Amino acid sequence: MHALRYFIVEASASLWRGRKAAILSVLTIAGGLFVLGFFLALNTNLQRVVGRWTESAELSVYLKDDATPGQMQVVDELVAQSGLAARREYVTKDQAATRFKQDFPDLAGAADRMDSNPFPASFEVRLKPEVREAGAAVDSLASTLAGVQGVADVRYDRRWLTRLNAVVRFLRALGLAIVVLLAVASALTVANVVRLAASAREDEIEIMELVGAPLSFVRGPFVVEGILQGGAGALLAMILLWILFVAGNARYGDVAAQTIGLGAITFLPLSLSLVIIGGGMLLGCIGGLIVARGVR
């Protein structure tokens, strides 16, 4: 306990003496972890969106205006016999028009002024949860339904959900690459700051070595100095990210949540926030160790 207190006191004093360089180091770490936190928050909410939309994915079979009852029965039987549908619903042209007016009230007047109802009747098929990822089976059903007489078009949400998942994976990979680069820059910045502190204490270190001070006692303050810088940078990053989230959520949160179909935009979970802070301290520790290992 005495050694730890000594490490903290010496590290704090060293940071204060080189506070300008230490502030630069803290800001560098904060910048890197802010980007990490931003991408993690974005990824968390995008995953919720994809999950929500995947749960509500539907197979929509649009019918021609002249489709006969027999043709509609064929469509209904094919869907029922496929074993892929959890629920199916026939939507008439009038019901489709009513839904459009409810979903887009600003355009309701334009729809009322049309001479005829432009919306087609359709079968809305909600897929079973266990078959939503069975792309081949659903694609086969969609192709079969598209070939039935009286069917104008078949739309399957999985196709654009697949593209959305690809976009999410790309953003995740891009964020990871940026974070790795910033993490390396942060560790090197901490190492340089701690190295400056070590250079300023060369005489003191030599005296400690002459009197037989343990090597861990000599190196300890440099490691703690790095940890303090990393922890301060991580904490600053989380505070800035929280401020940005609160400000953005207050201004655009409701609109964004309604647009993408979520109840609310969420911040990072507490456990993930603590992991980021721990990661910042680890980056600082690595930077401190790089210098400490060079101290003899």
Protein backbone atom coordinates (compact mmCIF):
# COMPACT_ATOMS: atom_id res chain seq x y z
CA MET A 1 0.00 0.00 0.00
CA HIS A 2 2.89 2.36 0.83
CA ALA A 3 4.47 1.62 -2.58
CA LEU A 4 1.19 2.28 -4.42
CA ARG A 5 0.75 5.58 -2.60
CA TYR A 6 4.29 6.52 -3.55
CA PHE A 7 3.66 5.63 -7.21
CA ILE A 8 0.49 7.74 -7.33
CA VAL A 9 2.08 10.75 -5.61
CA GLU A 10 5.15 10.67 -7.87
CA ALA A 11 3.05 10.16 -11.02
CA SER A 12 0.72 13.02 -10.11
CA ALA A 13 3.64 15.33 -9.42
CA SER A 14 5.26 14.37 -12.72
CA LEU A 15 2.05 15.00 -14.64
CA TRP A 16 1.68 18.41 -13.03
CA ARG A 17 5.24 19.37 -13.93
CA GLY A 18 4.67 18.39 -17.56
CA ARG A 19 0.99 19.33 -17.62
CA LYS A 20 1.00 20.79 -21.13
CA ALA A 21 2.30 17.58 -22.67
CA ALA A 22 0.05 15.54 -20.36
CA ILE A 23 -3.03 17.48 -21.50
CA LEU A 24 -2.10 16.76 -25.13
CA SER A 25 -1.78 13.08 -24.27
CA VAL A 26 -5.15 13.01 -22.47
CA LEU A 27 -6.84 14.76 -25.39
CA THR A 28 -5.33 12.27 -27.86
CA ILE A 29 -6.64 9.34 -25.85
CA ALA A 30 -10.01 11.06 -25.41
CA GLY A 31 -10.26 11.60 -29.18
CA GLY A 32 -9.58 7.95 -29.96
CA LEU A 33 -11.98 6.60 -27.34
CA PHE A 34 -14.64 9.16 -28.31
CA VAL A 35 -14.58 7.76 -31.84
CA LEU A 36 -14.74 4.22 -30.42
CA GLY A 37 -17.69 5.13 -28.19
CA PHE A 38 -19.48 6.87 -31.05
CA PHE A 39 -19.18 3.85 -33.34
CA LEU A 40 -20.23 1.50 -30.54
CA ALA A 41 -23.32 3.60 -29.78
CA LEU A 42 -24.14 3.79 -33.49
CA ASN A 43 -23.64 0.05 -33.87
CA THR A 44 -25.80 -0.69 -30.81
CA ASN A 45 -28.74 1.27 -32.17
CA LEU A 46 -28.28 -0.04 -35.72
CA GLN A 47 -28.34 -3.59 -34.38
CA ARG A 48 -31.60 -2.79 -32.59
CA VAL A 49 -33.02 -1.39 -35.83
CA VAL A 50 -31.98 -4.46 -37.83
CA GLY A 51 -33.38 -6.76 -35.15
CA ARG A 52 -36.65 -4.85 -35.00
CA TRP A 53 -37.05 -4.79 -38.77
CA THR A 54 -36.05 -8.45 -39.07
CA GLU A 55 -38.77 -9.39 -36.60
CA SER A 56 -41.35 -7.51 -38.68
CA ALA A 57 -40.03 -8.69 -42.07
CA GLU A 58 -42.85 -9.59 -44.43
CA LEU A 59 -43.38 -11.17 -47.81
CA SER A 60 -45.75 -8.95 -49.77
CA VAL A 61 -47.59 -10.40 -52.77
CA TYR A 62 -49.17 -7.62 -54.86
CA LEU A 63 -52.09 -8.60 -57.09
CA LYS A 64 -53.17 -7.25 -60.44
CA ASP A 65 -56.45 -5.33 -60.52
CA ASP A 66 -57.98 -8.04 -62.71
CA ALA A 67 -56.87 -10.96 -60.51
CA THR A 68 -59.65 -13.53 -60.20
CA PRO A 69 -60.81 -15.20 -56.96
CA GLY A 70 -59.33 -18.46 -58.24
CA GLN A 71 -55.91 -16.90 -58.74
CA MET A 72 -56.06 -15.36 -55.27
CA GLN A 73 -56.92 -18.76 -53.83
CA VAL A 74 -53.88 -20.27 -55.54
CA VAL A 75 -51.67 -17.65 -53.89
CA ASP A 76 -53.27 -18.27 -50.50
CA GLU A 77 -52.83 -22.05 -50.80
CA LEU A 78 -49.20 -21.79 -51.87
CA VAL A 79 -48.41 -19.64 -48.84
CA ALA A 80 -50.33 -21.94 -46.48
CA GLN A 81 -48.69 -25.12 -47.84
CA SER A 82 -45.15 -23.66 -47.68
CA GLY A 83 -45.06 -23.91 -43.90
CA LEU A 84 -43.11 -20.62 -43.76
CA ALA A 85 -45.93 -18.28 -42.76
CA ALA A 86 -46.78 -17.44 -39.19
CA ARG A 87 -49.65 -15.26 -40.34
CA ARG A 88 -51.10 -14.13 -43.65
CA GLU A 89 -53.58 -11.37 -44.35
CA TYR A 90 -55.43 -10.33 -47.47
CA VAL A 91 -55.44 -6.53 -47.89
CA THR A 92 -57.99 -5.06 -50.28
CA LYS A 93 -57.38 -2.02 -52.47
CA ASP A 94 -59.51 0.13 -50.14
CA GLN A 95 -57.63 -1.09 -47.07
CA ALA A 96 -54.31 -0.35 -48.79
CA ALA A 97 -55.46 3.21 -49.55
CA THR A 98 -56.59 3.68 -45.94
CA ARG A 99 -53.22 2.47 -44.63
CA PHE A 100 -51.40 4.88 -46.95
CA LYS A 101 -53.44 7.82 -45.64
CA GLN A 102 -52.72 6.81 -42.04
CA ASP A 103 -48.99 6.35 -42.63
CA PHE A 104 -48.61 9.49 -44.79
CA PRO A 105 -51.26 12.00 -43.64
CA ASP A 106 -49.56 14.83 -45.55
CA LEU A 107 -50.24 12.99 -48.82
CA ALA A 108 -53.78 11.90 -47.97
CA GLY A 109 -55.28 14.86 -49.85
CA ALA A 110 -53.39 13.98 -53.03
CA ALA A 111 -54.62 10.37 -52.81
CA ASP A 112 -58.25 11.57 -52.43
CA ARG A 113 -57.98 13.70 -55.55
CA MET A 114 -57.07 10.75 -57.78
CA ASP A 115 -59.73 9.50 -60.17
CA SER A 116 -59.15 5.86 -59.21
CA ASN A 117 -57.52 3.92 -56.41
CA PRO A 118 -53.88 3.28 -57.49
CA PHE A 119 -53.07 0.91 -54.62
CA PRO A 120 -53.11 -2.82 -55.40
CA ALA A 121 -54.64 -5.53 -53.29
CA SER A 122 -52.08 -7.81 -51.67
CA PHE A 123 -51.32 -10.71 -49.37
CA GLU A 124 -49.15 -9.69 -46.41
CA VAL A 125 -47.25 -12.73 -45.12
CA ARG A 126 -45.51 -12.61 -41.73
CA LEU A 127 -42.79 -15.25 -41.67
CA LYS A 128 -42.10 -17.62 -38.80
CA PRO A 129 -39.11 -16.55 -36.65
CA GLU A 130 -37.23 -19.79 -37.31
CA VAL A 131 -37.38 -19.40 -41.10
CA ARG A 132 -36.46 -15.72 -41.42
CA GLU A 133 -32.85 -16.71 -42.05
CA ALA A 134 -33.81 -19.54 -44.38
CA GLY A 135 -33.18 -17.40 -47.43
CA ALA A 136 -33.29 -20.23 -50.00
CA ALA A 137 -36.72 -21.49 -48.91
CA VAL A 138 -38.28 -18.03 -48.83
CA ASP A 139 -36.65 -17.05 -52.13
CA SER A 140 -38.08 -20.20 -53.69
CA LEU A 141 -41.55 -19.35 -52.42
CA ALA A 142 -41.23 -15.77 -53.69
CA SER A 143 -40.20 -17.02 -57.14
CA THR A 144 -43.12 -19.45 -57.23
CA LEU A 145 -45.61 -16.77 -56.23
CA ALA A 146 -44.21 -14.35 -58.81
CA GLY A 147 -45.06 -16.87 -61.54
CA VAL A 148 -48.72 -17.20 -60.56
CA GLN A 149 -51.18 -15.53 -62.91
CA GLY A 150 -52.77 -12.48 -61.34
CA VAL A 151 -49.64 -11.60 -59.31
CA ALA A 152 -48.15 -8.22 -60.21
CA ASP A 153 -45.09 -8.26 -57.95
CA VAL A 154 -43.55 -9.98 -54.92
CA ARG A 155 -41.49 -8.01 -52.41
CA TYR A 156 -39.41 -9.66 -49.73
CA ASP A 157 -37.92 -7.51 -46.95
CA ARG A 158 -34.95 -9.87 -46.45
CA ARG A 159 -33.29 -8.62 -49.60
CA TRP A 160 -32.89 -5.06 -48.38
CA LEU A 161 -32.28 -6.25 -44.80
CA THR A 162 -29.32 -8.20 -46.18
CA ARG A 163 -28.00 -5.01 -47.75
CA LEU A 164 -28.57 -3.14 -44.50
CA ASN A 165 -26.62 -5.79 -42.60
CA ALA A 166 -23.79 -5.38 -45.10
CA VAL A 167 -23.74 -1.63 -44.43
CA VAL A 168 -23.65 -2.26 -40.65
CA ARG A 169 -20.73 -4.67 -41.06
CA PHE A 170 -18.86 -2.15 -43.22
CA LEU A 171 -19.36 0.61 -40.65
CA ARG A 172 -18.19 -1.73 -37.90
CA ALA A 173 -15.04 -2.65 -39.84
CA LEU A 174 -14.35 1.00 -40.68
CA GLY A 175 -14.78 2.03 -37.05
CA LEU A 176 -12.49 -0.78 -35.89
CA ALA A 177 -9.75 0.26 -38.32
CA ILE A 178 -9.96 3.90 -37.21
CA VAL A 179 -9.96 2.94 -33.54
CA VAL A 180 -6.89 0.71 -33.94
CA LEU A 181 -4.96 3.56 -35.56
CA LEU A 182 -6.02 6.01 -32.86
CA ALA A 183 -5.19 3.48 -30.13
CA VAL A 184 -1.64 3.11 -31.46
CA ALA A 185 -1.30 6.89 -31.66
CA SER A 186 -2.61 7.25 -28.10
CA ALA A 187 -0.19 4.68 -26.67
CA LEU A 188 2.74 6.30 -28.44
CA THR A 189 1.70 9.75 -27.24
CA VAL A 190 1.54 8.52 -23.65
CA ALA A 191 4.93 6.88 -24.07
CA ASN A 192 6.46 10.13 -25.32
CA VAL A 193 4.99 12.13 -22.44
CA VAL A 194 6.20 9.61 -19.88
CA ARG A 195 9.62 9.51 -21.59
CA LEU A 196 9.90 13.28 -21.14
CA ALA A 197 9.12 12.83 -17.47
CA ALA A 198 11.77 10.11 -17.22
CA SER A 199 14.35 12.37 -18.86
CA ALA A 200 13.59 15.11 -16.35
CA ARG A 201 14.14 12.66 -13.48
CA GLU A 202 17.37 11.05 -14.72
CA ASP A 203 19.41 12.29 -11.77
CA GLU A 204 16.79 11.15 -9.28
CA ILE A 205 16.60 7.72 -10.92
CA GLU A 206 20.40 7.33 -10.80
CA ILE A 207 20.45 8.16 -7.08
CA MET A 208 17.67 5.62 -6.41
CA GLU A 209 19.63 2.97 -8.27
CA LEU A 210 22.83 3.81 -6.33
CA VAL A 211 21.09 3.41 -2.98
CA GLY A 212 19.70 0.04 -4.09
CA ALA A 213 16.06 0.92 -4.69
CA PRO A 214 14.11 -2.02 -6.21
CA LEU A 215 13.64 -1.76 -9.98
CA SER A 216 9.85 -1.98 -9.54
CA PHE A 217 10.05 1.05 -7.25
CA VAL A 218 11.84 3.00 -9.97
CA ARG A 219 9.54 1.93 -12.81
CA GLY A 220 6.25 2.03 -10.92
CA PRO A 221 5.56 5.79 -11.15
CA PHE A 222 5.95 5.73 -14.94
CA VAL A 223 3.37 2.96 -15.32
CA VAL A 224 0.95 4.71 -12.96
CA GLU A 225 1.53 7.97 -14.83
CA GLY A 226 0.43 6.28 -18.04
CA ILE A 227 -2.60 4.72 -16.35
CA LEU A 228 -3.69 8.11 -14.98
CA GLN A 229 -3.41 9.70 -18.41
CA GLY A 230 -5.35 6.87 -20.03
CA GLY A 231 -8.07 6.92 -17.37
CA ALA A 232 -8.44 10.70 -17.60
CA GLY A 233 -8.66 10.53 -21.40
CA ALA A 234 -11.25 7.75 -21.29
CA LEU A 235 -13.35 9.57 -18.70
CA LEU A 236 -13.22 12.77 -20.74
CA ALA A 237 -14.27 10.84 -23.86
CA MET A 238 -17.30 9.35 -22.11
CA ILE A 239 -18.34 12.74 -20.70
CA LEU A 240 -18.13 14.36 -24.14
CA LEU A 241 -19.99 11.44 -25.73
CA TRP A 242 -22.74 11.70 -23.09
CA ILE A 243 -23.07 15.45 -23.65
CA LEU A 244 -23.32 14.90 -27.42
CA PHE A 245 -25.90 12.14 -26.90
CA VAL A 246 -28.06 14.23 -24.55
CA ALA A 247 -27.93 17.29 -26.83
CA GLY A 248 -28.61 15.28 -29.99
CA ASN A 249 -31.35 13.21 -28.37
CA ALA A 250 -33.10 16.31 -27.07
CA ARG A 251 -33.12 17.90 -30.51
CA TYR A 252 -33.48 14.98 -32.92
CA GLY A 253 -34.18 11.92 -30.74
CA ASP A 254 -37.94 11.67 -31.22
CA VAL A 255 -37.75 12.23 -34.98
CA ALA A 256 -34.93 9.70 -35.39
CA ALA A 257 -36.68 7.10 -33.21
CA GLN A 258 -39.94 7.42 -35.15
CA THR A 259 -38.14 7.34 -38.50
CA ILE A 260 -36.28 4.10 -37.82
CA GLY A 261 -39.02 2.51 -35.77
CA LEU A 262 -37.43 2.47 -32.30
CA GLY A 263 -38.99 3.57 -29.05
CA ALA A 264 -35.92 5.65 -28.23
CA ILE A 265 -32.27 6.10 -29.14
CA THR A 266 -30.14 4.58 -26.39
CA PHE A 267 -26.71 5.39 -25.00
CA LEU A 268 -24.00 2.82 -24.40
CA PRO A 269 -24.75 0.28 -21.65
CA LEU A 270 -22.96 0.95 -18.35
CA SER A 271 -20.90 -2.23 -18.69
CA LEU A 272 -19.63 -1.15 -22.12
CA SER A 273 -18.85 2.35 -20.83
CA LEU A 274 -16.76 0.84 -18.04
CA VAL A 275 -14.96 -1.36 -20.58
CA ILE A 276 -14.04 1.77 -22.58
CA ILE A 277 -12.69 3.48 -19.47
CA GLY A 278 -10.74 0.33 -18.63
CA GLY A 279 -9.44 0.26 -22.21
CA GLY A 280 -8.19 3.81 -21.85
CA MET A 281 -6.34 2.90 -18.68
CA LEU A 282 -4.86 -0.12 -20.46
CA LEU A 283 -3.63 2.07 -23.33
CA GLY A 284 -1.98 4.38 -20.82
CA CYS A 285 -0.48 1.43 -19.00
CA ILE A 286 1.03 0.14 -22.25
CA GLY A 287 2.53 3.55 -22.95
CA GLY A 288 3.97 3.70 -19.44
CA LEU A 289 5.38 0.18 -19.70
CA ILE A 290 7.14 1.03 -22.96
CA VAL A 291 9.12 3.71 -21.11
CA ALA A 292 9.46 1.84 -17.83
CA ARG A 293 11.11 -1.12 -19.52
CA GLY A 294 13.80 1.24 -20.81
CA VAL A 295 14.63 2.42 -17.29
CA ARG A 296 17.61 0.58 -15.82
